[in-house]
N, C-alpha and C. Protein backbone atom coordinates (compact mmCIF):
# COMPACT_ATOMS: atom_id res chain seq x y z
N MET A 1 5.72 -33.37 30.01
CA MET A 1 5.32 -32.01 29.68
C MET A 1 6.31 -31.05 30.32
N PRO A 2 6.83 -30.10 29.56
CA PRO A 2 7.77 -29.14 30.13
C PRO A 2 7.11 -28.28 31.20
N PRO A 3 7.85 -27.89 32.24
CA PRO A 3 7.26 -27.13 33.34
C PRO A 3 6.82 -25.72 32.97
N ASN A 4 7.20 -25.24 31.80
CA ASN A 4 6.81 -23.89 31.43
C ASN A 4 5.42 -23.80 30.81
N ASN A 5 4.73 -24.92 30.65
CA ASN A 5 3.35 -24.87 30.17
C ASN A 5 2.46 -24.31 31.26
N ARG A 6 1.45 -23.57 30.84
CA ARG A 6 0.54 -22.93 31.80
C ARG A 6 -0.88 -23.41 31.54
N ILE A 7 -1.53 -23.85 32.61
CA ILE A 7 -2.90 -24.35 32.52
C ILE A 7 -3.77 -23.50 33.42
N ALA A 8 -4.84 -22.94 32.86
CA ALA A 8 -5.80 -22.15 33.62
C ALA A 8 -7.05 -23.01 33.86
N ILE A 9 -7.55 -22.95 35.08
CA ILE A 9 -8.81 -23.62 35.40
C ILE A 9 -9.78 -22.55 35.87
N VAL A 10 -10.81 -22.31 35.05
CA VAL A 10 -11.84 -21.31 35.36
C VAL A 10 -13.02 -22.06 35.97
N GLY A 11 -13.40 -21.64 37.15
CA GLY A 11 -14.42 -22.37 37.91
C GLY A 11 -13.73 -23.34 38.87
N ALA A 12 -12.54 -22.96 39.31
CA ALA A 12 -11.70 -23.84 40.13
C ALA A 12 -12.34 -24.23 41.45
N ALA A 13 -13.25 -23.43 41.98
CA ALA A 13 -13.89 -23.75 43.26
C ALA A 13 -15.05 -24.73 43.11
N SER A 14 -15.48 -24.98 41.87
CA SER A 14 -16.58 -25.92 41.65
C SER A 14 -16.10 -27.35 41.89
N LEU A 15 -17.01 -28.26 42.11
CA LEU A 15 -16.65 -29.67 42.30
C LEU A 15 -15.88 -30.19 41.09
N ARG A 16 -16.35 -29.87 39.90
CA ARG A 16 -15.69 -30.30 38.67
C ARG A 16 -14.27 -29.71 38.59
N GLY A 17 -14.12 -28.44 38.98
CA GLY A 17 -12.82 -27.80 38.97
C GLY A 17 -11.86 -28.43 39.95
N LYS A 18 -12.35 -28.76 41.13
CA LYS A 18 -11.51 -29.40 42.15
C LYS A 18 -11.08 -30.80 41.69
N GLU A 19 -12.01 -31.54 41.09
CA GLU A 19 -11.68 -32.88 40.60
C GLU A 19 -10.66 -32.81 39.47
N LEU A 20 -10.82 -31.85 38.56
CA LEU A 20 -9.87 -31.69 37.47
C LEU A 20 -8.50 -31.32 38.01
N ASN A 21 -8.45 -30.39 38.93
CA ASN A 21 -7.20 -29.96 39.55
C ASN A 21 -6.48 -31.16 40.17
N GLU A 22 -7.22 -31.97 40.90
CA GLU A 22 -6.65 -33.16 41.53
C GLU A 22 -6.13 -34.14 40.49
N THR A 23 -6.93 -34.38 39.46
CA THR A 23 -6.54 -35.33 38.41
C THR A 23 -5.30 -34.85 37.66
N LEU A 24 -5.27 -33.58 37.29
CA LEU A 24 -4.11 -33.05 36.57
C LEU A 24 -2.86 -33.05 37.45
N GLY A 25 -3.06 -32.84 38.74
CA GLY A 25 -1.93 -32.85 39.68
C GLY A 25 -1.29 -34.21 39.83
N GLU A 26 -1.99 -35.26 39.42
CA GLU A 26 -1.46 -36.62 39.50
C GLU A 26 -1.14 -37.19 38.12
N SER A 27 -1.05 -36.33 37.13
CA SER A 27 -0.84 -36.75 35.74
C SER A 27 0.48 -36.20 35.22
N PRO A 28 0.82 -36.49 33.96
CA PRO A 28 2.01 -35.88 33.37
C PRO A 28 1.94 -34.35 33.32
N PHE A 29 0.76 -33.79 33.49
CA PHE A 29 0.59 -32.34 33.51
C PHE A 29 0.96 -31.72 34.86
N ALA A 30 1.30 -32.52 35.85
CA ALA A 30 1.56 -32.03 37.20
C ALA A 30 2.67 -31.00 37.27
N SER A 31 3.59 -31.03 36.32
CA SER A 31 4.71 -30.08 36.35
C SER A 31 4.37 -28.73 35.70
N ALA A 32 3.16 -28.60 35.19
CA ALA A 32 2.74 -27.34 34.55
C ALA A 32 2.52 -26.26 35.60
N ASP A 33 2.49 -25.02 35.14
CA ASP A 33 2.16 -23.88 35.99
C ASP A 33 0.64 -23.73 35.95
N PHE A 34 -0.03 -23.85 37.10
CA PHE A 34 -1.48 -23.77 37.17
C PHE A 34 -1.93 -22.40 37.64
N VAL A 35 -2.99 -21.89 37.02
CA VAL A 35 -3.64 -20.66 37.46
C VAL A 35 -5.09 -21.03 37.74
N LEU A 36 -5.51 -20.86 38.98
CA LEU A 36 -6.88 -21.18 39.37
C LEU A 36 -7.68 -19.89 39.43
N MET A 37 -8.83 -19.87 38.77
CA MET A 37 -9.66 -18.67 38.71
C MET A 37 -11.12 -19.03 38.96
N ASP A 38 -11.85 -18.05 39.49
CA ASP A 38 -13.28 -18.25 39.69
C ASP A 38 -13.94 -16.89 39.87
N ASP A 39 -15.25 -16.92 40.11
CA ASP A 39 -15.99 -15.67 40.29
C ASP A 39 -15.68 -15.06 41.64
N GLU A 40 -16.29 -13.93 41.91
CA GLU A 40 -15.99 -13.11 43.09
C GLU A 40 -16.01 -13.86 44.42
N GLU A 41 -17.00 -14.72 44.62
CA GLU A 41 -17.15 -15.34 45.94
C GLU A 41 -16.06 -16.36 46.26
N ALA A 42 -15.32 -16.84 45.27
CA ALA A 42 -14.28 -17.83 45.52
C ALA A 42 -12.87 -17.24 45.57
N ILE A 43 -12.73 -15.97 45.24
CA ILE A 43 -11.41 -15.34 45.18
C ILE A 43 -10.74 -15.41 46.56
N GLY A 44 -9.48 -15.79 46.54
CA GLY A 44 -8.70 -15.84 47.77
C GLY A 44 -8.70 -17.19 48.47
N ARG A 45 -9.54 -18.11 48.05
CA ARG A 45 -9.53 -19.44 48.68
C ARG A 45 -8.21 -20.14 48.37
N LEU A 46 -7.73 -20.87 49.33
CA LEU A 46 -6.53 -21.67 49.13
C LEU A 46 -6.90 -23.03 48.53
N GLU A 47 -6.14 -23.45 47.56
CA GLU A 47 -6.31 -24.76 46.95
C GLU A 47 -4.93 -25.37 46.76
N SER A 48 -4.84 -26.68 46.83
CA SER A 48 -3.57 -27.32 46.55
C SER A 48 -3.54 -27.75 45.09
N VAL A 49 -2.38 -27.59 44.49
CA VAL A 49 -2.13 -28.02 43.12
C VAL A 49 -0.89 -28.90 43.19
N GLY A 50 -1.10 -30.20 43.09
CA GLY A 50 0.03 -31.11 43.29
C GLY A 50 0.56 -30.95 44.71
N ASP A 51 1.84 -30.61 44.82
CA ASP A 51 2.47 -30.43 46.13
C ASP A 51 2.47 -28.98 46.59
N GLU A 52 1.89 -28.09 45.81
CA GLU A 52 1.92 -26.66 46.13
C GLU A 52 0.53 -26.15 46.50
N VAL A 53 0.51 -25.03 47.22
CA VAL A 53 -0.74 -24.39 47.59
C VAL A 53 -0.81 -23.06 46.85
N THR A 54 -1.98 -22.74 46.31
CA THR A 54 -2.14 -21.48 45.58
C THR A 54 -3.50 -20.90 45.89
N PHE A 55 -3.69 -19.64 45.55
CA PHE A 55 -4.95 -18.94 45.76
C PHE A 55 -5.79 -18.98 44.49
N ILE A 56 -7.09 -18.98 44.66
CA ILE A 56 -7.99 -18.78 43.52
C ILE A 56 -8.00 -17.29 43.23
N GLN A 57 -7.77 -16.95 41.97
CA GLN A 57 -7.63 -15.57 41.54
C GLN A 57 -8.88 -15.06 40.84
N GLN A 58 -8.96 -13.74 40.76
CA GLN A 58 -10.02 -13.08 40.00
C GLN A 58 -9.77 -13.30 38.51
N ILE A 59 -10.85 -13.37 37.74
CA ILE A 59 -10.75 -13.55 36.30
C ILE A 59 -10.64 -12.18 35.65
N THR A 60 -9.53 -11.94 34.95
CA THR A 60 -9.33 -10.72 34.19
C THR A 60 -8.81 -11.12 32.82
N PRO A 61 -8.87 -10.21 31.83
CA PRO A 61 -8.28 -10.55 30.52
C PRO A 61 -6.81 -10.96 30.62
N ALA A 62 -6.06 -10.34 31.52
CA ALA A 62 -4.65 -10.68 31.68
C ALA A 62 -4.45 -12.08 32.28
N SER A 63 -5.48 -12.63 32.89
CA SER A 63 -5.38 -13.96 33.50
C SER A 63 -5.06 -15.04 32.48
N PHE A 64 -5.45 -14.80 31.24
CA PHE A 64 -5.28 -15.82 30.20
C PHE A 64 -3.98 -15.65 29.42
N ALA A 65 -3.21 -14.60 29.73
CA ALA A 65 -1.94 -14.37 29.04
C ALA A 65 -1.03 -15.58 29.26
N HIS A 66 -0.52 -16.09 28.20
CA HIS A 66 0.44 -17.21 28.24
C HIS A 66 -0.17 -18.52 28.69
N ALA A 67 -1.49 -18.62 28.79
CA ALA A 67 -2.12 -19.90 29.15
C ALA A 67 -2.17 -20.77 27.90
N ASP A 68 -1.54 -21.92 27.98
CA ASP A 68 -1.56 -22.84 26.85
C ASP A 68 -2.92 -23.51 26.71
N PHE A 69 -3.53 -23.82 27.85
CA PHE A 69 -4.85 -24.46 27.88
C PHE A 69 -5.69 -23.80 28.96
N THR A 70 -6.97 -23.60 28.66
CA THR A 70 -7.91 -23.11 29.66
C THR A 70 -9.07 -24.10 29.75
N PHE A 71 -9.24 -24.66 30.93
CA PHE A 71 -10.36 -25.56 31.21
C PHE A 71 -11.46 -24.74 31.87
N PHE A 72 -12.66 -24.80 31.32
CA PHE A 72 -13.82 -24.15 31.91
C PHE A 72 -14.62 -25.23 32.64
N THR A 73 -14.65 -25.12 33.97
CA THR A 73 -15.25 -26.17 34.79
C THR A 73 -16.40 -25.67 35.65
N GLY A 74 -16.68 -24.38 35.59
CA GLY A 74 -17.73 -23.79 36.42
C GLY A 74 -19.07 -23.80 35.72
N SER A 75 -19.86 -22.80 35.98
CA SER A 75 -21.20 -22.70 35.40
C SER A 75 -21.12 -22.35 33.92
N ALA A 76 -22.21 -22.63 33.22
CA ALA A 76 -22.29 -22.28 31.80
C ALA A 76 -22.18 -20.78 31.61
N ASP A 77 -22.78 -20.01 32.51
CA ASP A 77 -22.70 -18.55 32.42
C ASP A 77 -21.26 -18.06 32.55
N LEU A 78 -20.51 -18.63 33.46
CA LEU A 78 -19.11 -18.25 33.65
C LEU A 78 -18.30 -18.55 32.38
N THR A 79 -18.56 -19.69 31.78
CA THR A 79 -17.87 -20.06 30.53
C THR A 79 -18.22 -19.09 29.42
N ARG A 80 -19.51 -18.83 29.22
CA ARG A 80 -19.94 -17.92 28.15
C ARG A 80 -19.36 -16.53 28.34
N LYS A 81 -19.19 -16.12 29.57
CA LYS A 81 -18.67 -14.78 29.86
C LYS A 81 -17.18 -14.64 29.53
N HIS A 82 -16.40 -15.72 29.64
CA HIS A 82 -14.95 -15.59 29.54
C HIS A 82 -14.26 -16.39 28.44
N TRP A 83 -14.93 -17.28 27.76
CA TRP A 83 -14.23 -18.16 26.82
C TRP A 83 -13.60 -17.40 25.66
N GLN A 84 -14.28 -16.36 25.16
CA GLN A 84 -13.72 -15.62 24.03
C GLN A 84 -12.45 -14.88 24.41
N THR A 85 -12.40 -14.36 25.63
CA THR A 85 -11.19 -13.69 26.11
C THR A 85 -10.02 -14.66 26.14
N ALA A 86 -10.26 -15.88 26.61
CA ALA A 86 -9.21 -16.90 26.64
C ALA A 86 -8.78 -17.27 25.22
N ALA A 87 -9.75 -17.42 24.34
CA ALA A 87 -9.42 -17.77 22.95
C ALA A 87 -8.61 -16.67 22.28
N HIS A 88 -8.99 -15.41 22.50
CA HIS A 88 -8.25 -14.29 21.90
C HIS A 88 -6.83 -14.21 22.44
N ALA A 89 -6.60 -14.71 23.64
CA ALA A 89 -5.26 -14.72 24.23
C ALA A 89 -4.42 -15.87 23.65
N GLY A 90 -5.04 -16.72 22.85
CA GLY A 90 -4.32 -17.82 22.22
C GLY A 90 -4.34 -19.12 23.00
N SER A 91 -5.17 -19.21 24.01
CA SER A 91 -5.27 -20.41 24.82
C SER A 91 -6.18 -21.44 24.16
N GLY A 92 -5.82 -22.71 24.27
CA GLY A 92 -6.70 -23.78 23.83
C GLY A 92 -7.85 -23.91 24.82
N ILE A 93 -9.07 -23.99 24.32
CA ILE A 93 -10.27 -24.01 25.17
C ILE A 93 -10.76 -25.45 25.34
N LEU A 94 -10.97 -25.83 26.58
CA LEU A 94 -11.55 -27.14 26.90
C LEU A 94 -12.75 -26.87 27.80
N ASP A 95 -13.95 -27.05 27.24
CA ASP A 95 -15.18 -26.71 27.96
C ASP A 95 -15.76 -27.94 28.63
N LEU A 96 -15.63 -28.01 29.94
CA LEU A 96 -16.23 -29.09 30.71
C LEU A 96 -17.57 -28.68 31.31
N SER A 97 -17.96 -27.42 31.07
CA SER A 97 -19.23 -26.91 31.60
C SER A 97 -20.41 -27.26 30.69
N GLY A 98 -20.14 -27.56 29.43
CA GLY A 98 -21.21 -27.85 28.47
C GLY A 98 -21.80 -26.61 27.82
N ALA A 99 -21.30 -25.44 28.14
CA ALA A 99 -21.87 -24.19 27.62
C ALA A 99 -21.62 -23.99 26.14
N LEU A 100 -20.55 -24.55 25.61
CA LEU A 100 -20.20 -24.30 24.22
C LEU A 100 -20.61 -25.43 23.28
N ASP A 101 -21.36 -26.40 23.80
CA ASP A 101 -21.82 -27.52 22.95
C ASP A 101 -22.77 -27.05 21.89
């Protein structure tokens, strides 16, 4: 996978988000640019992505700009609140929360 691909993980502080982050960091996707996002209480937490450390960011419409894929790993409410914004930005949606079933 080329390093210019961008993967967003919404709900990054959740157990599912952390497991996905770890799994992707050990996969062919490890060279992608990761953006970790979550709700207010998780903003600013440090997380490792592969060999790098990054902060969990606030979710804004601009957060999804240039995201090739967005994984929703948090609560169903968080997914329902933000999935359309990600889709309108042109990101592929992968719902691991079960909210869009």
